[in-house]
Amino acid sequence: MPDALLKVENLTVQYCPQGAPEIANVSFGIAHGEMVGLAGESGCGKTTLALSLLRVLPASARVVTGSIRFRGQELMALSERQLEKIRGAGISMVLQEPGIALHPMLPVGEQIADVMQAHKGWSRQRCREEATRMLLRVHLEDVGRIYAAYPHQLSGGQRQRVVIAQALACRPDLVIADEPTASLDSCAQSEILALLRELREHSGTAMLLISHNPSVLARLADRVMVMRAGRIVGQSDIAATRPYREPDGVSLVPVYTGEGPAELELVPPRRRAVGRSGLLRNAEVVNKSDLTGWRTPSGVRFRGLSRTFADLKVCASRFFHTFARVSA
């Protein structure tokens, strides 16, 4: 990806000098306007990777090796002062818990205005006007009240919208969204996902979307990377499988064999597609995944799903492209 907006090569981050690295030899790229999903179990290094891109790792962590190039500029070689000009303006981040991301002692509107004033150099009045427009852009009602409200006075969905507005305030080229729907109820999750899709379509901003939920990545991402034990162990081009057709490489797919819960398997592309539902009875699956045992907080794992076939069918029909060999 020679024209990549962001290019990471052989990135290794370690917390304990004597321990195993948190992330090891991670390499990937993100193109302009592309939305890339990052999936993986809790503790596999997803958030550490996100913090590494912004160079905001805790003091106990250090980058052992690797390169992070953004718009052709090597971030590892920049001073803290130079990085401050990129954070928020070039790369911004939507944190997992909006209640923690927002300052509890400041009105949320003023926090958005602070970001604009730091990077744009506008007058305070103009920053406040633009902050109000950003609140409208993320579909918040009664923006006068919300602008002056403190974080604890807003609902979880409203706080998440404010955090998204703050991340997009300076029109960055890349937004890192770390589990943006994890702390929300199902209704608020759907609204936030629809908002992210709309903002991406209108602004053309590239995004790195971190999520445990495959249906979230299916609805938004062009490409999904799977992370396990600090390494990128697989990638899948979601956009290439729409409409349903055989991908170029091996795909992770759910197959229901008629006995017990459905299982996710790595199935080679020579298997034919078996319909829009993405699931087939009496299917013989081959090539077990090396990722067996990976589990999400919701209980989904790569082998022996704890969800029932009926529960899985909804997201599977949207997300996965099943290839199987029909039993005689």
C-alpha atoms as a PDB file:
ATOM      1  CA  MET A   1       0.000   0.000   0.000  1.00  0.00           C
ATOM      2  CA  PRO A   2       2.439   2.679  -1.218  1.00  0.00           C
ATOM      3  CA  ASP A   3      -0.072   5.566  -0.968  1.00  0.00           C
ATOM      4  CA  ALA A   4      -1.378   4.596   2.475  1.00  0.00           C
ATOM      5  CA  LEU A   5      -2.539   7.319   4.819  1.00  0.00           C
ATOM      6  CA  LEU A   6      -1.182   5.307   7.760  1.00  0.00           C
ATOM      7  CA  LYS A   7       1.484   2.629   7.467  1.00  0.00           C
ATOM      8  CA  VAL A   8       2.645   0.554  10.435  1.00  0.00           C
ATOM      9  CA  GLU A   9       5.602  -1.799  10.063  1.00  0.00           C
ATOM     10  CA  ASN A  10       6.929  -4.365  12.553  1.00  0.00           C
ATOM     11  CA  LEU A  11       5.578  -2.525  15.590  1.00  0.00           C
ATOM     12  CA  THR A  12       6.492  -4.154  18.907  1.00  0.00           C
ATOM     13  CA  VAL A  13       5.420  -2.727  22.279  1.00  0.00           C
ATOM     14  CA  GLN A  14       6.477  -4.099  25.648  1.00  0.00           C
ATOM     15  CA  TYR A  15       5.266  -3.291  29.157  1.00  0.00           C
ATOM     16  CA  CYS A  16       7.566  -5.434  31.266  1.00  0.00           C
ATOM     17  CA  PRO A  17      11.254  -5.551  30.233  1.00  0.00           C
ATOM     18  CA  GLN A  18      11.469  -9.230  31.169  1.00  0.00           C
ATOM     19  CA  GLY A  19       8.052 -10.252  29.861  1.00  0.00           C
ATOM     20  CA  ALA A  20       6.531 -11.039  26.498  1.00  0.00           C
ATOM     21  CA  PRO A  21       5.653  -8.056  24.283  1.00  0.00           C
ATOM     22  CA  GLU A  22       2.082  -6.765  24.406  1.00  0.00           C
ATOM     23  CA  ILE A  23       2.058  -6.457  20.614  1.00  0.00           C
ATOM     24  CA  ALA A  24       4.693  -8.038  18.376  1.00  0.00           C
ATOM     25  CA  ASN A  25       5.707  -7.341  14.768  1.00  0.00           C
ATOM     26  CA  VAL A  26       2.389  -5.757  13.807  1.00  0.00           C
ATOM     27  CA  SER A  27       2.223  -4.416  10.257  1.00  0.00           C
ATOM     28  CA  PHE A  28      -0.742  -2.971   8.366  1.00  0.00           C
ATOM     29  CA  GLY A  29      -1.840   0.049   6.378  1.00  0.00           C
ATOM     30  CA  ILE A  30      -4.939   2.217   6.092  1.00  0.00           C
ATOM     31  CA  ALA A  31      -5.751   4.049   2.871  1.00  0.00           C
ATOM     32  CA  HIS A  32      -7.405   7.441   2.562  1.00  0.00           C
ATOM     33  CA  GLY A  33     -11.130   7.142   3.307  1.00  0.00           C
ATOM     34  CA  GLU A  34     -10.904   3.454   4.216  1.00  0.00           C
ATOM     35  CA  MET A  35     -12.592   1.976   7.272  1.00  0.00           C
ATOM     36  CA  VAL A  36     -10.603  -0.904   8.743  1.00  0.00           C
ATOM     37  CA  GLY A  37     -11.994  -3.088  11.516  1.00  0.00           C
ATOM     38  CA  LEU A  38      -9.865  -4.641  14.256  1.00  0.00           C
ATOM     39  CA  ALA A  39     -11.273  -7.662  16.101  1.00  0.00           C
ATOM     40  CA  GLY A  40      -9.777  -9.669  18.934  1.00  0.00           C
ATOM     41  CA  GLU A  41     -10.253 -10.982  22.436  1.00  0.00           C
ATOM     42  CA  SER A  42      -9.905  -8.826  25.526  1.00  0.00           C
ATOM     43  CA  GLY A  43      -6.266  -8.296  26.403  1.00  0.00           C
ATOM     44  CA  CYS A  44      -4.902  -9.173  22.970  1.00  0.00           C
ATOM     45  CA  GLY A  45      -3.395  -5.703  22.479  1.00  0.00           C
ATOM     46  CA  LYS A  46      -6.022  -3.791  20.468  1.00  0.00           C
ATOM     47  CA  THR A  47      -6.103  -0.724  22.712  1.00  0.00           C
ATOM     48  CA  THR A  48      -2.323  -0.782  23.118  1.00  0.00           C
ATOM     49  CA  LEU A  49      -2.032  -0.671  19.335  1.00  0.00           C
ATOM     50  CA  ALA A  50      -4.442   2.265  19.153  1.00  0.00           C
ATOM     51  CA  LEU A  51      -2.542   4.198  21.838  1.00  0.00           C
ATOM     52  CA  SER A  52       0.741   3.443  20.069  1.00  0.00           C
ATOM     53  CA  LEU A  53      -0.488   5.150  16.908  1.00  0.00           C
ATOM     54  CA  LEU A  54      -1.016   8.358  18.868  1.00  0.00           C
ATOM     55  CA  ARG A  55       2.147   7.886  20.943  1.00  0.00           C
ATOM     56  CA  VAL A  56       0.176   8.145  24.186  1.00  0.00           C
ATOM     57  CA  LEU A  57       1.266   4.890  25.796  1.00  0.00           C
ATOM     58  CA  PRO A  58       1.586   4.801  29.604  1.00  0.00           C
ATOM     59  CA  ALA A  59       4.992   5.420  31.127  1.00  0.00           C
ATOM     60  CA  SER A  60       5.460   1.700  31.824  1.00  0.00           C
ATOM     61  CA  ALA A  61       5.254   0.846  28.111  1.00  0.00           C
ATOM     62  CA  ARG A  62       7.906   1.323  25.477  1.00  0.00           C
ATOM     63  CA  VAL A  63       8.086   0.812  21.729  1.00  0.00           C
ATOM     64  CA  VAL A  64      10.839  -1.744  21.174  1.00  0.00           C
ATOM     65  CA  THR A  65      10.911  -1.676  17.381  1.00  0.00           C
ATOM     66  CA  GLY A  66       8.760  -0.503  14.518  1.00  0.00           C
ATOM     67  CA  SER A  67       7.737   2.338  12.268  1.00  0.00           C
ATOM     68  CA  ILE A  68       4.535   4.406  12.197  1.00  0.00           C
ATOM     69  CA  ARG A  69       4.205   6.649   9.162  1.00  0.00           C
ATOM     70  CA  PHE A  70       1.280   9.057   8.851  1.00  0.00           C
ATOM     71  CA  ARG A  71       0.902  11.029   5.617  1.00  0.00           C
ATOM     72  CA  GLY A  72       4.466   9.967   4.835  1.00  0.00           C
ATOM     73  CA  GLN A  73       5.843  11.366   8.101  1.00  0.00           C
ATOM     74  CA  GLU A  74       7.573   9.106  10.625  1.00  0.00           C
ATOM     75  CA  LEU A  75       5.743   9.612  13.934  1.00  0.00           C
ATOM     76  CA  MET A  76       8.369   7.761  15.964  1.00  0.00           C
ATOM     77  CA  ALA A  77      10.892  10.501  15.162  1.00  0.00           C
ATOM     78  CA  LEU A  78       8.691  13.434  16.223  1.00  0.00           C
ATOM     79  CA  SER A  79       9.002  15.366  19.458  1.00  0.00           C
ATOM     80  CA  GLU A  80       6.080  15.692  21.879  1.00  0.00           C
ATOM     81  CA  ARG A  81       5.458  19.249  20.695  1.00  0.00           C
ATOM     82  CA  GLN A  82       5.260  18.106  17.078  1.00  0.00           C
ATOM     83  CA  LEU A  83       2.935  15.246  18.001  1.00  0.00           C
ATOM     84  CA  GLU A  84       0.528  17.661  19.713  1.00  0.00           C
ATOM     85  CA  LYS A  85      -0.130  19.244  16.322  1.00  0.00           C
ATOM     86  CA  ILE A  86      -1.144  15.863  14.890  1.00  0.00           C
ATOM     87  CA  ARG A  87      -3.279  14.567  17.772  1.00  0.00           C
ATOM     88  CA  GLY A  88      -6.796  15.827  17.272  1.00  0.00           C
ATOM     89  CA  ALA A  89      -6.083  17.525  13.947  1.00  0.00           C
ATOM     90  CA  GLY A  90      -4.537  14.661  11.932  1.00  0.00           C
ATOM     91  CA  ILE A  91      -5.418  11.627  14.046  1.00  0.00           C
ATOM     92  CA  SER A  92      -8.153  11.633  16.676  1.00  0.00           C
ATOM     93  CA  MET A  93      -9.600   8.950  18.924  1.00  0.00           C
ATOM     94  CA  VAL A  94     -13.016   7.963  20.240  1.00  0.00           C
ATOM     95  CA  LEU A  95     -12.417   6.223  23.556  1.00  0.00           C
ATOM     96  CA  GLN A  96     -14.363   3.227  24.793  1.00  0.00           C
ATOM     97  CA  GLU A  97     -15.942   4.942  27.814  1.00  0.00           C
ATOM     98  CA  PRO A  98     -17.230   8.469  27.057  1.00  0.00           C
ATOM     99  CA  GLY A  99     -17.741   9.196  30.754  1.00  0.00           C
ATOM    100  CA  ILE A 100     -13.985   8.877  31.255  1.00  0.00           C
ATOM    101  CA  ALA A 101     -13.022  10.600  28.003  1.00  0.00           C
ATOM    102  CA  LEU A 102     -14.806  13.844  28.963  1.00  0.00           C
ATOM    103  CA  HIS A 103     -13.599  16.172  31.713  1.00  0.00           C
ATOM    104  CA  PRO A 104     -16.172  16.000  34.536  1.00  0.00           C
ATOM    105  CA  MET A 105     -15.720  19.644  35.593  1.00  0.00           C
ATOM    106  CA  LEU A 106     -16.176  21.329  32.204  1.00  0.00           C
ATOM    107  CA  PRO A 107     -19.285  21.792  30.004  1.00  0.00           C
ATOM    108  CA  VAL A 108     -19.091  19.391  27.083  1.00  0.00           C
ATOM    109  CA  GLY A 109     -19.496  22.138  24.500  1.00  0.00           C
ATOM    110  CA  GLU A 110     -16.509  24.010  25.893  1.00  0.00           C
ATOM    111  CA  GLN A 111     -14.425  20.850  25.614  1.00  0.00           C
ATOM    112  CA  ILE A 112     -15.174  20.661  21.882  1.00  0.00           C
ATOM    113  CA  ALA A 113     -14.358  24.363  21.522  1.00  0.00           C
ATOM    114  CA  ASP A 114     -11.035  23.814  23.322  1.00  0.00           C
ATOM    115  CA  VAL A 115      -9.950  21.309  20.665  1.00  0.00           C
ATOM    116  CA  MET A 116     -10.749  23.751  17.865  1.00  0.00           C
ATOM    117  CA  GLN A 117      -8.986  26.639  19.547  1.00  0.00           C
ATOM    118  CA  ALA A 118      -5.868  24.551  20.164  1.00  0.00           C
ATOM    119  CA  HIS A 119      -5.533  23.496  16.519  1.00  0.00           C
ATOM    120  CA  LYS A 120      -7.303  26.166  14.482  1.00  0.00           C
ATOM    121  CA  GLY A 121      -6.344  29.331  16.350  1.00  0.00           C
ATOM    122  CA  TRP A 122      -9.830  30.796  15.932  1.00  0.00           C
ATOM    123  CA  SER A 123     -11.410  33.270  18.299  1.00  0.00           C
ATOM    124  CA  ARG A 124     -13.266  31.795  21.259  1.00  0.00           C
ATOM    125  CA  GLN A 125     -16.595  32.964  19.876  1.00  0.00           C
ATOM    126  CA  ARG A 126     -16.021  31.241  16.535  1.00  0.00           C
ATOM    127  CA  CYS A 127     -14.896  28.053  18.291  1.00  0.00           C
ATOM    128  CA  ARG A 128     -18.123  28.030  20.296  1.00  0.00           C
ATOM    129  CA  GLU A 129     -20.200  28.524  17.166  1.00  0.00           C
ATOM    130  CA  GLU A 130     -18.389  25.691  15.373  1.00  0.00           C
ATOM    131  CA  ALA A 131     -18.740  23.455  18.432  1.00  0.00           C
ATOM    132  CA  THR A 132     -22.492  24.041  18.362  1.00  0.00           C
ATOM    133  CA  ARG A 133     -22.540  23.064  14.679  1.00  0.00           C
ATOM    134  CA  MET A 134     -20.668  19.877  15.510  1.00  0.00           C
ATOM    135  CA  LEU A 135     -23.300  18.964  18.101  1.00  0.00           C
ATOM    136  CA  LEU A 136     -25.957  19.456  15.449  1.00  0.00           C
ATOM    137  CA  ARG A 137     -23.928  17.371  13.018  1.00  0.00           C
ATOM    138  CA  VAL A 138     -24.036  14.358  15.345  1.00  0.00           C
ATOM    139  CA  HIS A 139     -27.839  14.721  15.582  1.00  0.00           C
ATOM    140  CA  LEU A 140     -28.148  15.985  19.132  1.00  0.00           C
ATOM    141  CA  GLU A 141     -31.304  17.890  19.980  1.00  0.00           C
ATOM    142  CA  ASP A 142     -31.540  20.950  22.231  1.00  0.00           C
ATOM    143  CA  VAL A 143     -27.892  21.740  21.572  1.00  0.00           C
ATOM    144  CA  GLY A 144     -28.001  24.875  23.725  1.00  0.00           C
ATOM    145  CA  ARG A 145     -28.729  22.788  26.810  1.00  0.00           C
ATOM    146  CA  ILE A 146     -26.261  20.054  25.843  1.00  0.00           C
ATOM    147  CA  TYR A 147     -23.481  22.557  25.123  1.00  0.00           C
ATOM    148  CA  ALA A 148     -23.719  23.882  28.671  1.00  0.00           C
ATOM    149  CA  ALA A 149     -24.272  20.476  30.290  1.00  0.00           C
ATOM    150  CA  TYR A 150     -21.672  18.555  32.252  1.00  0.00           C
ATOM    151  CA  PRO A 151     -20.948  14.916  31.315  1.00  0.00           C
ATOM    152  CA  HIS A 152     -22.888  13.466  34.258  1.00  0.00           C
ATOM    153  CA  GLN A 153     -26.005  15.321  33.114  1.00  0.00           C
ATOM    154  CA  LEU A 154     -26.114  13.475  29.781  1.00  0.00           C
ATOM    155  CA  SER A 155     -27.104   9.937  28.879  1.00  0.00           C
ATOM    156  CA  GLY A 156     -24.551   7.409  27.652  1.00  0.00           C
ATOM    157  CA  GLY A 157     -25.635   7.828  24.045  1.00  0.00           C
ATOM    158  CA  GLN A 158     -25.461  11.622  24.285  1.00  0.00           C
ATOM    159  CA  ARG A 159     -21.979  11.483  25.810  1.00  0.00           C
ATOM    160  CA  GLN A 160     -20.795   9.171  23.040  1.00  0.00           C
ATOM    161  CA  ARG A 161     -22.126  11.580  20.410  1.00  0.00           C
ATOM    162  CA  VAL A 162     -20.288  14.428  22.129  1.00  0.00           C
ATOM    163  CA  VAL A 163     -17.044  12.407  22.069  1.00  0.00           C
ATOM    164  CA  ILE A 164     -17.538  11.706  18.355  1.00  0.00           C
ATOM    165  CA  ALA A 165     -18.185  15.409  17.733  1.00  0.00           C
ATOM    166  CA  GLN A 166     -14.994  16.243  19.624  1.00  0.00           C
ATOM    167  CA  ALA A 167     -12.996  13.698  17.595  1.00  0.00           C
ATOM    168  CA  LEU A 168     -14.277  15.138  14.297  1.00  0.00           C
ATOM    169  CA  ALA A 169     -14.066  18.789  15.348  1.00  0.00           C
ATOM    170  CA  CYS A 170     -10.885  19.523  13.369  1.00  0.00           C
ATOM    171  CA  ARG A 171     -11.744  17.242  10.448  1.00  0.00           C
ATOM    172  CA  PRO A 172      -8.903  14.732  10.994  1.00  0.00           C
ATOM    173  CA  ASP A 173      -7.761  12.386   8.252  1.00  0.00           C
ATOM    174  CA  LEU A 174      -7.932   9.349  10.559  1.00  0.00           C
ATOM    175  CA  VAL A 175     -10.255   8.517  13.472  1.00  0.00           C
ATOM    176  CA  ILE A 176      -9.519   5.629  15.831  1.00  0.00           C
ATOM    177  CA  ALA A 177     -12.751   4.350  17.401  1.00  0.00           C
ATOM    178  CA  ASP A 178     -12.017   2.026  20.330  1.00  0.00           C
ATOM    179  CA  GLU A 179     -15.180   0.023  21.096  1.00  0.00           C
ATOM    180  CA  PRO A 180     -17.449   3.063  20.510  1.00  0.00           C
ATOM    181  CA  THR A 181     -20.629   1.111  21.342  1.00  0.00           C
ATOM    182  CA  ALA A 182     -19.394  -1.161  24.144  1.00  0.00           C
ATOM    183  CA  SER A 183     -20.967   0.795  27.010  1.00  0.00           C
ATOM    184  CA  LEU A 184     -24.291   1.518  25.284  1.00  0.00           C
ATOM    185  CA  ASP A 185     -27.625  -0.279  25.147  1.00  0.00           C
ATOM    186  CA  SER A 186     -28.773  -1.873  21.909  1.00  0.00           C
ATOM    187  CA  CYS A 187     -30.855   1.107  20.754  1.00  0.00           C
ATOM    188  CA  ALA A 188     -28.039   3.578  21.376  1.00  0.00           C
ATOM    189  CA  GLN A 189     -25.589   1.215  19.661  1.00  0.00           C
ATOM    190  CA  SER A 190     -27.652   1.200  16.476  1.00  0.00           C
ATOM    191  CA  GLU A 191     -27.876   4.993  16.503  1.00  0.00           C
ATOM    192  CA  ILE A 192     -24.124   5.434  16.996  1.00  0.00           C
ATOM    193  CA  LEU A 193     -23.320   2.938  14.226  1.00  0.00           C
ATOM    194  CA  ALA A 194     -25.665   4.726  11.851  1.00  0.00           C
ATOM    195  CA  LEU A 195     -24.028   8.017  12.818  1.00  0.00           C
ATOM    196  CA  LEU A 196     -20.499   6.697  12.191  1.00  0.00           C
ATOM    197  CA  ARG A 197     -21.546   5.373   8.784  1.00  0.00           C
ATOM    198  CA  GLU A 198     -23.149   8.680   7.855  1.00  0.00           C
ATOM    199  CA  LEU A 199     -20.183  10.763   9.016  1.00  0.00           C
ATOM    200  CA  ARG A 200     -17.763   8.563   7.148  1.00  0.00           C
ATOM    201  CA  GLU A 201     -19.771   8.800   3.918  1.00  0.00           C
ATOM    202  CA  HIS A 202     -20.028  12.580   4.129  1.00  0.00           C
ATOM    203  CA  SER A 203     -16.528  13.438   5.353  1.00  0.00           C
ATOM    204  CA  GLY A 204     -14.445  10.695   3.732  1.00  0.00           C
ATOM    205  CA  THR A 205     -12.487  10.274   6.958  1.00  0.00           C
ATOM    206  CA  ALA A 206     -10.493   7.061   7.320  1.00  0.00           C
ATOM    207  CA  MET A 207     -11.301   5.026  10.440  1.00  0.00           C
ATOM    208  CA  LEU A 208      -9.789   2.243  12.494  1.00  0.00           C
ATOM    209  CA  LEU A 209     -12.777   0.618  14.189  1.00  0.00           C
ATOM    210  CA  ILE A 210     -12.001  -1.640  17.164  1.00  0.00           C
ATOM    211  CA  SER A 211     -14.806  -3.958  18.228  1.00  0.00           C
ATOM    212  CA  HIS A 212     -15.560  -7.396  19.662  1.00  0.00           C
ATOM    213  CA  ASN A 213     -18.854  -7.532  17.781  1.00  0.00           C
ATOM    214  CA  PRO A 214     -18.647  -8.996  14.244  1.00  0.00           C
ATOM    215  CA  SER A 215     -21.965  -7.453  13.231  1.00  0.00           C
ATOM    216  CA  VAL A 216     -20.595  -3.990  14.060  1.00  0.00           C
ATOM    217  CA  LEU A 217     -17.587  -4.547  11.811  1.00  0.00           C
ATOM    218  CA  ALA A 218     -19.783  -6.022   9.084  1.00  0.00           C
ATOM    219  CA  ARG A 219     -21.990  -2.948   8.944  1.00  0.00           C
ATOM    220  CA  LEU A 220     -19.139  -0.450   8.726  1.00  0.00           C
ATOM    221  CA  ALA A 221     -15.737  -1.891   7.819  1.00  0.00           C
ATOM    222  CA  ASP A 222     -14.257  -2.385   4.363  1.00  0.00           C
ATOM    223  CA  ARG A 223     -11.637  -4.745   5.731  1.00  0.00           C
ATOM    224  CA  VAL A 224     -11.258  -6.599   9.036  1.00  0.00           C
ATOM    225  CA  MET A 225      -8.030  -7.591  10.798  1.00  0.00           C
ATOM    226  CA  VAL A 226      -8.070 -10.249  13.504  1.00  0.00           C
ATOM    227  CA  MET A 227      -5.674  -9.831  16.416  1.00  0.00           C
ATOM    228  CA  ARG A 228      -4.629 -12.547  18.839  1.00  0.00           C
ATOM    229  CA  ALA A 229      -1.927 -12.498  21.523  1.00  0.00           C
ATOM    230  CA  GLY A 230      -0.502  -9.246  20.225  1.00  0.00           C
ATOM    231  CA  ARG A 231      -0.265 -10.265  16.572  1.00  0.00           C
ATOM    232  CA  ILE A 232      -2.338  -9.731  13.445  1.00  0.00           C
ATOM    233  CA  VAL A 233      -3.248 -13.304  12.545  1.00  0.00           C
ATOM    234  CA  GLY A 234      -5.607 -12.721   9.644  1.00  0.00           C
ATOM    235  CA  GLN A 235      -7.370 -10.227   7.411  1.00  0.00           C
ATOM    236  CA  SER A 236     -10.578 -10.336   5.421  1.00  0.00           C
ATOM    237  CA  ASP A 237     -11.810  -7.920   2.774  1.00  0.00           C
ATOM    238  CA  ILE A 238     -15.456  -7.439   3.734  1.00  0.00           C
ATOM    239  CA  ALA A 239     -16.262  -5.144   0.817  1.00  0.00           C
ATOM    240  CA  ALA A 240     -14.983  -7.752  -1.661  1.00  0.00           C
ATOM    241  CA  THR A 241     -17.571 -10.262  -0.475  1.00  0.00           C
ATOM    242  CA  ARG A 242     -20.517  -7.966  -1.153  1.00  0.00           C
ATOM    243  CA  PRO A 243     -22.574  -9.092  -2.949  1.00  0.00           C
ATOM    244  CA  TYR A 244     -22.017 -12.696  -1.933  1.00  0.00           C
ATOM    245  CA  ARG A 245     -19.158 -14.155  -3.949  1.00  0.00           C
ATOM    246  CA  GLU A 246     -16.037 -16.175  -3.325  1.00  0.00           C
ATOM    247  CA  PRO A 247     -13.214 -14.178  -1.716  1.00  0.00           C
ATOM    248  CA  ASP A 248      -9.605 -14.395  -2.866  1.00  0.00           C
ATOM    249  CA  GLY A 249      -8.418 -16.089   0.319  1.00  0.00           C
ATOM    250  CA  VAL A 250      -9.611 -18.209   3.185  1.00  0.00           C
ATOM    251  CA  SER A 251     -12.568 -16.760   5.087  1.00  0.00           C
ATOM    252  CA  LEU A 252     -13.828 -17.100   8.643  1.00  0.00           C
ATOM    253  CA  VAL A 253     -17.423 -18.314   8.369  1.00  0.00           C
ATOM    254  CA  PRO A 254     -20.175 -19.780  10.574  1.00  0.00           C
ATOM    255  CA  VAL A 255     -21.523 -23.174   9.544  1.00  0.00           C
ATOM    256  CA  TYR A 256     -24.368 -25.050  11.217  1.00  0.00           C
ATOM    257  CA  THR A 257     -23.958 -28.805  10.945  1.00  0.00           C
ATOM    258  CA  GLY A 258     -27.315 -29.745  12.441  1.00  0.00           C
ATOM    259  CA  GLU A 259     -25.866 -30.868  15.761  1.00  0.00           C
ATOM    260  CA  GLY A 260     -25.321 -28.427  18.622  1.00  0.00           C
ATOM    261  CA  PRO A 261     -24.471 -24.737  18.226  1.00  0.00           C
ATOM    262  CA  ALA A 262     -22.947 -23.254  15.083  1.00  0.00           C
ATOM    263  CA  GLU A 263     -19.183 -23.081  14.687  1.00  0.00           C
ATOM    264  CA  LEU A 264     -16.902 -20.530  13.027  1.00  0.00           C
ATOM    265  CA  GLU A 265     -14.417 -22.199  10.701  1.00  0.00           C
ATOM    266  CA  LEU A 266     -11.736 -21.171   8.241  1.00  0.00           C
ATOM    267  CA  VAL A 267     -13.025 -22.576   4.961  1.00  0.00           C
ATOM    268  CA  PRO A 268     -11.075 -22.386   1.659  1.00  0.00           C
ATOM    269  CA  PRO A 269     -12.594 -20.393  -1.222  1.00  0.00           C
ATOM    270  CA  ARG A 270     -13.116 -23.437  -3.452  1.00  0.00           C
ATOM    271  CA  ARG A 271     -16.313 -24.182  -1.515  1.00  0.00           C
ATOM    272  CA  ARG A 272     -19.340 -22.763  -3.234  1.00  0.00           C
ATOM    273  CA  ALA A 273     -21.608 -20.116  -1.754  1.00  0.00           C
ATOM    274  CA  VAL A 274     -24.741 -21.510  -0.212  1.00  0.00           C
ATOM    275  CA  GLY A 275     -27.276 -18.708  -0.259  1.00  0.00           C
ATOM    276  CA  ARG A 276     -27.938 -15.367   1.338  1.00  0.00           C
ATOM    277  CA  SER A 277     -28.728 -16.752   4.760  1.00  0.00           C
ATOM    278  CA  GLY A 278     -25.064 -17.760   4.973  1.00  0.00           C
ATOM    279  CA  LEU A 279     -25.853 -20.937   6.902  1.00  0.00           C
ATOM    280  CA  LEU A 280     -26.444 -24.478   5.703  1.00  0.00           C
ATOM    281  CA  ARG A 281     -27.535 -27.702   7.326  1.00  0.00           C
ATOM    282  CA  ASN A 282     -25.714 -30.989   6.664  1.00  0.00           C
ATOM    283  CA  ALA A 283     -22.527 -29.159   5.651  1.00  0.00           C
ATOM    284  CA  GLU A 284     -19.113 -30.731   5.921  1.00  0.00           C
ATOM    285  CA  VAL A 285     -16.495 -28.179   7.015  1.00  0.00           C
ATOM    286  CA  VAL A 286     -12.771 -28.610   6.495  1.00  0.00           C
ATOM    287  CA  ASN A 287      -9.541 -26.959   7.712  1.00  0.00           C
ATOM    288  CA  LYS A 288      -9.969 -26.125  11.377  1.00  0.00           C
ATOM    289  CA  SER A 289      -8.876 -22.621  12.369  1.00  0.00           C
ATOM    290  CA  ASP A 290      -5.698 -22.032  14.312  1.00  0.00           C
ATOM    291  CA  LEU A 291      -7.713 -19.497  16.289  1.00  0.00           C
ATOM    292  CA  THR A 292      -9.830 -22.004  18.195  1.00  0.00           C
ATOM    293  CA  GLY A 293     -10.737 -20.878  21.657  1.00  0.00           C
ATOM    294  CA  TRP A 294     -10.801 -17.124  20.877  1.00  0.00           C
ATOM    295  CA  ARG A 295     -13.720 -15.650  22.785  1.00  0.00           C
ATOM    296  CA  THR A 296     -15.508 -12.315  22.912  1.00  0.00           C
ATOM    297  CA  PRO A 297     -17.197 -10.861  26.003  1.00  0.00           C
ATOM    298  CA  SER A 298     -20.576 -11.713  24.496  1.00  0.00           C
ATOM    299  CA  GLY A 299     -19.652 -15.387  24.543  1.00  0.00           C
ATOM    300  CA  VAL A 300     -18.891 -15.886  20.856  1.00  0.00           C
ATOM    301  CA  ARG A 301     -15.798 -17.958  20.153  1.00  0.00           C
ATOM    302  CA  PHE A 302     -14.218 -19.371  17.041  1.00  0.00           C
ATOM    303  CA  ARG A 303     -15.108 -22.948  17.901  1.00  0.00           C
ATOM    304  CA  GLY A 304     -18.135 -24.211  19.781  1.00  0.00           C
ATOM    305  CA  LEU A 305     -20.198 -21.029  19.830  1.00  0.00           C
ATOM    306  CA  SER A 306     -22.152 -20.543  23.013  1.00  0.00           C
ATOM    307  CA  ARG A 307     -24.818 -18.717  21.033  1.00  0.00           C
ATOM    308  CA  THR A 308     -27.551 -20.771  19.429  1.00  0.00           C
ATOM    309  CA  PHE A 309     -28.018 -21.109  15.701  1.00  0.00           C
ATOM    310  CA  ALA A 310     -31.042 -18.797  15.770  1.00  0.00           C
ATOM    311  CA  ASP A 311     -29.112 -16.092  17.626  1.00  0.00           C
ATOM    312  CA  LEU A 312     -26.228 -16.255  15.181  1.00  0.00           C
ATOM    313  CA  LYS A 313     -28.278 -16.253  12.006  1.00  0.00           C
ATOM    314  CA  VAL A 314     -29.054 -12.522  12.004  1.00  0.00           C
ATOM    315  CA  CYS A 315     -25.470 -11.283  12.089  1.00  0.00           C
ATOM    316  CA  ALA A 316     -24.164 -14.158  10.004  1.00  0.00           C
ATOM    317  CA  SER A 317     -26.415 -13.329   7.075  1.00  0.00           C
ATOM    318  CA  ARG A 318     -24.952  -9.830   7.001  1.00  0.00           C
ATOM    319  CA  PHE A 319     -21.355 -10.470   7.901  1.00  0.00           C
ATOM    320  CA  PHE A 320     -20.047 -13.824   6.817  1.00  0.00           C
ATOM    321  CA  HIS A 321     -19.921 -15.523   3.444  1.00  0.00           C
ATOM    322  CA  THR A 322     -20.246 -19.254   3.934  1.00  0.00           C
ATOM    323  CA  PHE A 323     -18.515 -21.776   1.732  1.00  0.00           C
ATOM    324  CA  ALA A 324     -19.217 -25.421   2.362  1.00  0.00           C
ATOM    325  CA  ARG A 325     -19.297 -28.793   0.705  1.00  0.00           C
ATOM    326  CA  VAL A 326     -22.788 -30.252   0.791  1.00  0.00           C
ATOM    327  CA  SER A 327     -22.933 -33.725   2.232  1.00  0.00           C
ATOM    328  CA  ALA A 328     -24.411 -36.387   0.008  1.00  0.00           C
END
